């Protein structure tokens, strides 16, 4: 089914229009070319082509900083049907709860069918208008089932969305495919100056490697203040009760400054908690190894087993790298394991308050399956 739907490479396509939409092509590094129609911004884009399996949650996924530099393929065939909520920041400076950050982070969006109409009580506009406002291109009319199968078989790979009406399309078409993981994507999404949320006596340092806004909310709800600092900030010099290292995009080994500061933190006994990329950075600081997954874990229903209890939790995930859980330094042990493929999903230290998880407890897909991890983290401050 997959290969039959993919046409051979061709650069002789003529512009085609459908309902006023310009023709566009999705081109993969292996020569695969899929033709569709552009929507959103009239511009071409490049990035690593990845897929996510959620039936809902496209505003959350598109604003997730962990998708920086990536072209997102939505496997669910109907996207845009509930529009986009209002996205003005609240009085605390955080975006609304349907957004992980204040802007779109994906380089482009690939869908099977874009819903022309939308209906939802919270909708403030259409997905297409929101993307045009942020200068983000989409392509529809793609057989996303065939595309996803190809990415599963061959792994994620660099790609381009080429829009016929884009004046710069030829230049991008002729440019070599870019490996976005050679960039320090964390530096692209992190804040530039420290920000303080709340005024509680107990304080947590949030190392922003591309932090989701809900991490801040989950901490504030548990009665602590949050000092959010840039990815390369020396947080060891800050007066706080604990350190939380956030999620983020790209190859964890690119965030060298964060790893260096974490090594210093591990020499002490102040609680440290890592989430997603933060899990990988903590692991590297401890002496573990990381590696790139063939197509990553991106979805809302990833089952994870807690080592010792064998209890299974439903988790939300978005990462392309993993920690090698079979070669751990002395004092460290696996905490969670992915029930699908056996990859590592969490680490904990045997006697120090250092823990990390690969999944997102702030996402609460169950709706609150692993939110208790924030409770445990805040309790460790006492």
Protein backbone atom coordinates (compact mmCIF):
# COMPACT_ATOMS: atom_id res chain seq x y z
CA UNK A 1 0.00 0.00 0.00
CA UNK A 2 2.75 2.43 0.98
CA UNK A 3 5.10 2.08 -1.96
CA UNK A 4 2.34 2.09 -4.53
CA UNK A 5 1.21 5.53 -3.38
CA UNK A 6 4.66 7.11 -3.69
CA UNK A 7 5.66 8.45 -7.08
CA UNK A 8 9.27 8.39 -8.35
CA UNK A 9 11.31 11.59 -8.09
CA UNK A 10 10.35 14.22 -10.62
CA UNK A 11 11.25 17.89 -10.98
CA UNK A 12 9.04 18.57 -13.98
CA UNK A 13 5.80 19.08 -12.12
CA UNK A 14 3.57 21.86 -13.41
CA UNK A 15 1.75 24.13 -10.95
CA UNK A 16 -1.73 22.82 -10.20
CA UNK A 17 -4.45 24.52 -8.22
CA UNK A 18 -7.37 23.16 -6.25
CA UNK A 19 -9.99 25.47 -4.82
CA UNK A 20 -7.59 28.38 -5.13
CA UNK A 21 -4.72 26.50 -3.47
CA UNK A 22 -1.28 26.30 -4.99
CA UNK A 23 0.38 22.99 -5.81
CA UNK A 24 3.12 21.80 -3.50
CA UNK A 25 5.46 18.85 -3.20
CA UNK A 26 6.86 16.97 -0.24
CA UNK A 27 10.33 15.73 -1.09
CA UNK A 28 12.28 13.29 1.12
CA UNK A 29 16.02 12.72 1.17
CA UNK A 30 15.61 9.19 -0.24
CA UNK A 31 14.03 10.61 -3.42
CA UNK A 32 10.41 10.03 -2.43
CA UNK A 33 8.11 12.74 -3.78
CA UNK A 34 4.48 13.28 -2.81
CA UNK A 35 2.27 15.92 -4.42
CA UNK A 36 -0.43 17.91 -2.72
CA UNK A 37 -1.73 21.43 -2.11
CA UNK A 38 -0.24 24.14 0.06
CA UNK A 39 -2.10 25.90 2.87
CA UNK A 40 -1.11 28.34 5.57
CA UNK A 41 1.86 30.48 4.57
CA UNK A 42 2.93 30.58 0.92
CA UNK A 43 6.51 29.61 1.56
CA UNK A 44 8.66 26.52 1.27
CA UNK A 45 10.28 24.85 4.27
CA UNK A 46 12.83 22.21 5.23
CA UNK A 47 13.28 19.99 8.27
CA UNK A 48 13.34 16.43 9.56
CA UNK A 49 10.11 14.67 8.59
CA UNK A 50 8.52 12.96 11.61
CA UNK A 51 5.06 11.63 12.41
CA UNK A 52 2.77 11.86 15.45
CA UNK A 53 -0.16 9.55 16.13
CA UNK A 54 -2.54 11.68 18.19
CA UNK A 55 -6.17 11.97 17.06
CA UNK A 56 -6.37 15.42 18.64
CA UNK A 57 -3.90 17.96 19.96
CA UNK A 58 -2.50 19.60 16.83
CA UNK A 59 -2.21 23.05 18.52
CA UNK A 60 -0.27 21.47 21.39
CA UNK A 61 1.99 19.51 19.04
CA UNK A 62 2.68 22.40 16.69
CA UNK A 63 3.66 24.72 19.56
CA UNK A 64 5.82 22.12 21.28
CA UNK A 65 9.44 23.38 21.24
CA UNK A 66 10.56 19.75 20.96
CA UNK A 67 9.39 19.87 17.32
CA UNK A 68 11.76 22.72 16.44
CA UNK A 69 13.26 22.13 12.99
CA UNK A 70 10.85 19.34 12.09
CA UNK A 71 8.11 18.80 9.51
CA UNK A 72 5.24 17.14 11.35
CA UNK A 73 3.09 14.47 9.69
CA UNK A 74 -0.29 13.99 11.38
CA UNK A 75 -1.36 10.36 11.01
CA UNK A 76 -5.00 11.11 11.90
CA UNK A 77 -6.74 11.85 8.57
CA UNK A 78 -8.81 14.87 9.67
CA UNK A 79 -6.97 17.93 10.96
CA UNK A 80 -8.32 21.42 11.68
CA UNK A 81 -11.89 20.39 12.45
CA UNK A 82 -11.96 22.12 15.86
CA UNK A 83 -10.00 25.19 14.83
CA UNK A 84 -7.52 26.95 17.12
CA UNK A 85 -8.27 28.59 20.50
CA UNK A 86 -7.36 32.17 21.31
CA UNK A 87 -3.62 32.30 21.85
CA UNK A 88 -2.98 35.56 23.69
CA UNK A 89 -0.78 35.03 26.78
CA UNK A 90 -2.36 35.19 30.24
CA UNK A 91 -1.49 37.60 33.06
CA UNK A 92 1.32 35.27 34.17
CA UNK A 93 2.94 35.53 30.74
CA UNK A 94 2.21 31.88 29.92
CA UNK A 95 0.29 30.87 26.78
CA UNK A 96 -3.21 29.33 27.10
CA UNK A 97 -3.38 25.70 28.15
CA UNK A 98 -3.96 24.49 24.58
CA UNK A 99 -0.52 25.75 23.61
CA UNK A 100 2.87 24.49 24.78
CA UNK A 101 4.61 27.76 23.86
CA UNK A 102 3.80 31.19 22.51
CA UNK A 103 4.51 30.37 18.87
CA UNK A 104 4.47 27.54 16.35
CA UNK A 105 7.70 25.54 16.38
CA UNK A 106 7.18 23.03 13.57
CA UNK A 107 8.77 23.96 10.24
CA UNK A 108 5.79 22.59 8.34
CA UNK A 109 2.67 20.44 8.65
CA UNK A 110 1.64 17.46 6.51
CA UNK A 111 -1.98 16.27 6.56
CA UNK A 112 -4.26 14.03 4.60
CA UNK A 113 -7.36 16.25 4.75
CA UNK A 114 -7.52 19.81 6.04
CA UNK A 115 -10.93 20.61 7.44
CA UNK A 116 -12.30 23.74 5.75
CA UNK A 117 -14.81 24.40 8.50
CA UNK A 118 -14.27 24.14 12.23
CA UNK A 119 -16.51 23.90 15.26
CA UNK A 120 -15.59 24.12 18.93
CA UNK A 121 -16.69 26.31 21.81
CA UNK A 122 -13.14 27.56 22.37
CA UNK A 123 -12.23 28.13 18.71
CA UNK A 124 -11.07 31.65 17.84
CA UNK A 125 -10.00 30.96 14.27
CA UNK A 126 -9.01 28.36 11.73
CA UNK A 127 -5.85 26.30 11.70
CA UNK A 128 -4.93 27.65 8.28
CA UNK A 129 -5.28 31.32 9.31
CA UNK A 130 -3.18 30.67 12.44
CA UNK A 131 -0.42 29.06 10.37
CA UNK A 132 -0.47 31.92 7.86
CA UNK A 133 -0.18 34.41 10.75
CA UNK A 134 2.94 32.61 12.01
CA UNK A 135 4.45 32.09 8.55
CA UNK A 136 4.21 28.28 8.67
CA UNK A 137 3.43 26.21 5.59
CA UNK A 138 1.28 23.11 5.36
CA UNK A 139 0.63 20.57 2.63
CA UNK A 140 -2.62 18.59 2.30
CA UNK A 141 -3.79 15.82 0.02
CA UNK A 142 -0.94 13.54 1.11
CA UNK A 143 -1.40 9.83 1.74
CA UNK A 144 -0.13 10.08 5.31
CA UNK A 145 -0.64 6.35 5.90
CA UNK A 146 1.81 5.50 3.11
CA UNK A 147 4.19 8.22 4.24
CA UNK A 148 4.12 7.05 7.86
CA UNK A 149 4.80 3.48 6.83
CA UNK A 150 7.77 4.62 4.78
CA UNK A 151 9.16 6.56 7.73
CA UNK A 152 8.67 3.54 10.00
CA UNK A 153 10.46 1.27 7.54
CA UNK A 154 13.33 3.60 6.63
CA UNK A 155 13.47 5.94 9.61
CA UNK A 156 12.83 9.65 9.84
CA UNK A 157 14.79 11.69 7.34
CA UNK A 158 15.31 15.25 6.11
CA UNK A 159 12.66 16.62 3.79
CA UNK A 160 11.29 19.72 2.11
CA UNK A 161 7.87 21.19 1.42
CA UNK A 162 8.22 22.98 -1.92
CA UNK A 163 5.44 25.42 -2.80
CA UNK A 164 5.16 26.29 -6.48
CA UNK A 165 4.09 29.90 -5.82
CA UNK A 166 7.00 30.59 -3.45
CA UNK A 167 9.55 32.90 -5.14
CA UNK A 168 12.36 31.11 -3.31
CA UNK A 169 11.24 27.58 -4.11
CA UNK A 170 13.96 26.94 -6.71
CA UNK A 171 16.75 27.90 -4.31
CA UNK A 172 15.49 25.54 -1.61
CA UNK A 173 14.78 22.80 -4.16
CA UNK A 174 18.40 22.89 -5.33
CA UNK A 175 19.90 23.15 -1.83
CA UNK A 176 21.19 19.97 -0.14
CA UNK A 177 19.04 18.34 2.52
CA UNK A 178 19.84 19.68 5.98
CA UNK A 179 20.54 17.51 9.02
CA UNK A 180 18.85 19.68 11.65
CA UNK A 181 20.51 17.76 14.48
CA UNK A 182 23.82 19.37 13.63
CA UNK A 183 22.28 22.60 14.95
CA UNK A 184 21.96 23.42 18.61
CA UNK A 185 18.17 23.46 18.54
CA UNK A 186 18.00 23.94 22.31
CA UNK A 187 19.66 27.35 21.98
CA UNK A 188 17.03 28.29 19.38
CA UNK A 189 14.06 27.67 21.68
CA UNK A 190 15.32 28.55 25.16
CA UNK A 191 14.57 31.88 26.83
CA UNK A 192 17.30 34.53 26.88
CA UNK A 193 16.89 35.90 30.41
CA UNK A 194 15.72 34.35 33.72
CA UNK A 195 12.01 34.68 34.58
CA UNK A 196 10.46 34.20 38.03
CA UNK A 197 6.94 32.79 38.47
CA UNK A 198 5.22 32.98 41.86
CA UNK A 199 6.53 34.08 45.24
CA UNK A 200 6.37 30.92 47.35
CA UNK A 201 9.18 30.30 49.83
CA UNK A 202 10.26 27.04 48.20
CA UNK A 203 11.78 27.58 44.77
CA UNK A 204 12.51 25.28 41.85
CA UNK A 205 14.96 26.17 39.08
CA UNK A 206 13.52 25.24 35.69
CA UNK A 207 16.33 24.86 33.15
CA UNK A 208 14.61 25.87 29.93
CA UNK A 209 15.80 23.66 27.09
CA UNK A 210 12.50 24.26 25.31
CA UNK A 211 10.18 23.92 28.28
CA UNK A 212 6.48 23.30 27.84
CA UNK A 213 4.37 25.88 29.63
CA UNK A 214 2.47 23.23 31.54
CA UNK A 215 5.62 22.27 33.45
CA UNK A 216 5.52 25.73 35.02
CA UNK A 217 1.81 25.37 35.79
CA UNK A 218 2.25 21.94 37.38
CA UNK A 219 4.91 23.31 39.73
CA UNK A 220 2.97 26.46 40.63
CA UNK A 221 -0.10 24.38 41.48
CA UNK A 222 1.99 22.49 44.01
CA UNK A 223 2.91 25.59 45.94
CA UNK A 224 6.43 26.36 44.77
CA UNK A 225 7.83 29.32 42.86
CA UNK A 226 9.68 28.72 39.60
CA UNK A 227 12.87 30.42 38.43
CA UNK A 228 13.07 29.70 34.71
CA UNK A 229 16.62 30.09 33.38
CA UNK A 230 18.23 29.76 29.92
CA UNK A 231 19.68 26.42 28.86
CA UNK A 232 23.29 27.52 29.38
CA UNK A 233 22.73 29.40 32.65
CA UNK A 234 24.89 28.24 35.59
CA UNK A 235 22.00 27.24 37.83
CA UNK A 236 24.36 25.90 40.49
CA UNK A 237 24.91 29.47 41.63
CA UNK A 238 21.20 30.11 42.18
CA UNK A 239 19.57 29.91 45.61
CA UNK A 240 16.82 27.31 45.16
CA UNK A 241 15.59 24.05 46.64
CA UNK A 242 15.67 21.86 43.54
CA UNK A 243 16.43 21.71 39.82
CA UNK A 244 14.14 20.57 37.00
CA UNK A 245 15.60 20.16 33.51
CA UNK A 246 12.94 20.50 30.83
CA UNK A 247 12.12 18.89 27.55
CA UNK A 248 13.54 20.24 24.31
CA UNK A 249 14.51 19.44 20.72
CA UNK A 250 17.45 17.85 18.98
CA UNK A 251 20.52 15.83 19.86
CA UNK A 252 21.11 16.09 23.63
CA UNK A 253 24.89 16.09 23.10
CA UNK A 254 24.59 19.55 21.52
CA UNK A 255 23.58 21.08 24.88
CA UNK A 256 27.10 20.86 26.27
CA UNK A 257 26.74 23.74 28.72
CA UNK A 258 23.69 22.15 30.37
CA UNK A 259 25.48 18.81 30.70
CA UNK A 260 28.50 20.53 32.26
CA UNK A 261 26.36 22.33 34.86
CA UNK A 262 24.46 19.10 35.61
CA UNK A 263 27.71 17.27 36.34
CA UNK A 264 28.40 19.86 39.01
CA UNK A 265 24.86 19.51 40.39
CA UNK A 266 25.27 15.73 40.70
CA UNK A 267 28.18 16.26 43.05
CA UNK A 268 25.74 17.70 45.61
CA UNK A 269 22.48 16.46 47.06
CA UNK A 270 19.95 19.04 45.84
CA UNK A 271 17.01 17.21 44.14
CA UNK A 272 17.23 17.04 40.35
CA UNK A 273 14.39 15.96 38.05
CA UNK A 274 14.69 15.61 34.27
CA UNK A 275 11.87 15.44 31.72
CA UNK A 276 12.30 14.15 28.14
CA UNK A 277 15.45 15.91 26.84
CA UNK A 278 16.18 16.71 30.48
CA UNK A 279 16.23 12.96 31.12
CA UNK A 280 18.82 12.50 28.37
CA UNK A 281 20.93 15.42 29.61
CA UNK A 282 20.91 14.10 33.17
CA UNK A 283 21.90 10.67 31.86
CA UNK A 284 24.82 12.10 29.87
CA UNK A 285 25.96 14.09 32.91
CA UNK A 286 25.89 10.88 34.96
CA UNK A 287 28.01 9.02 32.40
CA UNK A 288 25.37 7.21 30.33
CA UNK A 289 25.14 7.10 26.53
CA UNK A 290 22.35 8.26 24.20
CA UNK A 291 21.46 7.16 20.67
CA UNK A 292 19.07 8.16 17.90
CA UNK A 293 15.89 6.12 17.50
CA UNK A 294 14.86 5.04 13.97
CA UNK A 295 11.65 7.08 14.01
CA UNK A 296 11.27 8.24 17.62
CA UNK A 297 8.37 8.08 20.03
CA UNK A 298 5.74 10.71 19.30
CA UNK A 299 2.23 10.07 20.51
CA UNK A 300 -0.24 10.15 23.38
CA UNK A 301 -0.58 6.45 24.21
CA UNK A 302 2.90 5.11 24.91
CA UNK A 303 2.77 2.43 27.65
CA UNK A 304 5.58 2.56 30.22
CA UNK A 305 6.31 -0.01 32.92
CA UNK A 306 7.66 1.09 36.30
CA UNK A 307 10.57 -1.15 37.26
CA UNK A 308 9.86 -3.00 40.50
CA UNK A 309 6.10 -2.56 40.53
CA UNK A 310 5.49 -3.55 36.88
CA UNK A 311 2.66 -1.04 36.90
CA UNK A 312 1.90 0.28 33.41
CA UNK A 313 1.26 3.98 32.79
CA UNK A 314 -0.11 5.63 29.66
CA UNK A 315 2.25 8.43 28.67
CA UNK A 316 2.64 11.22 26.15
CA UNK A 317 5.99 11.37 24.36
CA UNK A 318 7.92 13.37 21.79
CA UNK A 319 11.56 12.49 21.33
CA UNK A 320 13.92 11.16 18.69
CA UNK A 321 16.78 10.09 20.99
CA UNK A 322 16.93 7.59 23.85
CA UNK A 323 19.18 6.64 26.75
CA UNK A 324 21.02 3.33 26.70
CA UNK A 325 19.50 1.73 29.79
CA UNK A 326 21.67 -1.40 29.66
CA UNK A 327 24.96 0.31 30.54
CA UNK A 328 24.47 2.48 33.60
CA UNK A 329 27.08 3.90 36.00
CA UNK A 330 27.28 2.70 39.59
CA UNK A 331 24.41 3.98 41.71
CA UNK A 332 21.98 4.40 38.81
CA UNK A 333 19.13 2.10 37.81
CA UNK A 334 16.30 2.01 35.32
CA UNK A 335 13.04 3.48 36.60
CA UNK A 336 10.68 3.06 33.63
CA UNK A 337 10.81 0.95 30.47
CA UNK A 338 8.78 1.32 27.28
CA UNK A 339 6.38 -1.63 27.06
CA UNK A 340 6.41 -1.55 23.25
CA UNK A 341 10.10 -1.73 22.42
CA UNK A 342 11.90 -2.08 25.76
CA UNK A 343 13.74 1.25 25.49
CA UNK A 344 14.62 3.18 28.62
CA UNK A 345 11.99 5.62 29.87
CA UNK A 346 13.45 6.77 33.19
CA UNK A 347 16.41 6.67 35.56
CA UNK A 348 16.80 7.04 39.31
CA UNK A 349 19.76 7.18 41.64
CA UNK A 350 19.95 4.57 44.37
CA UNK A 351 20.56 6.95 47.27
CA UNK A 352 20.58 10.54 45.97
CA UNK A 353 17.43 12.52 44.98
CA UNK A 354 18.15 12.39 41.23
CA UNK A 355 15.41 11.11 38.91
CA UNK A 356 14.31 11.56 35.33
CA UNK A 357 11.68 10.33 32.88
CA UNK A 358 11.63 10.23 29.10
CA UNK A 359 7.90 10.86 28.87
CA UNK A 360 5.85 13.95 29.79
CA UNK A 361 4.14 13.87 33.20
CA UNK A 362 2.86 17.40 32.60
CA UNK A 363 0.94 16.23 29.51
CA UNK A 364 -1.41 14.03 31.55
CA UNK A 365 -2.95 11.99 28.72
CA UNK A 366 -4.80 9.67 31.10
CA UNK A 367 -5.79 12.53 32.03
CA UNK A 368 -3.34 12.47 34.97
CA UNK A 369 -1.55 9.11 34.83
CA UNK A 370 1.93 10.32 35.80
CA UNK A 371 1.22 13.77 37.27
CA UNK A 372 2.03 12.22 40.65
CA UNK A 373 5.71 12.51 39.70
CA UNK A 374 5.45 16.25 40.31
CA UNK A 375 4.04 15.48 43.76
CA UNK A 376 7.02 13.24 44.51
CA UNK A 377 9.44 15.85 43.21
CA UNK A 378 7.96 18.65 45.32
CA UNK A 379 7.87 16.35 48.36
CA UNK A 380 11.62 15.76 47.94
CA UNK A 381 12.17 19.47 48.56
CA UNK A 382 11.08 18.96 52.16
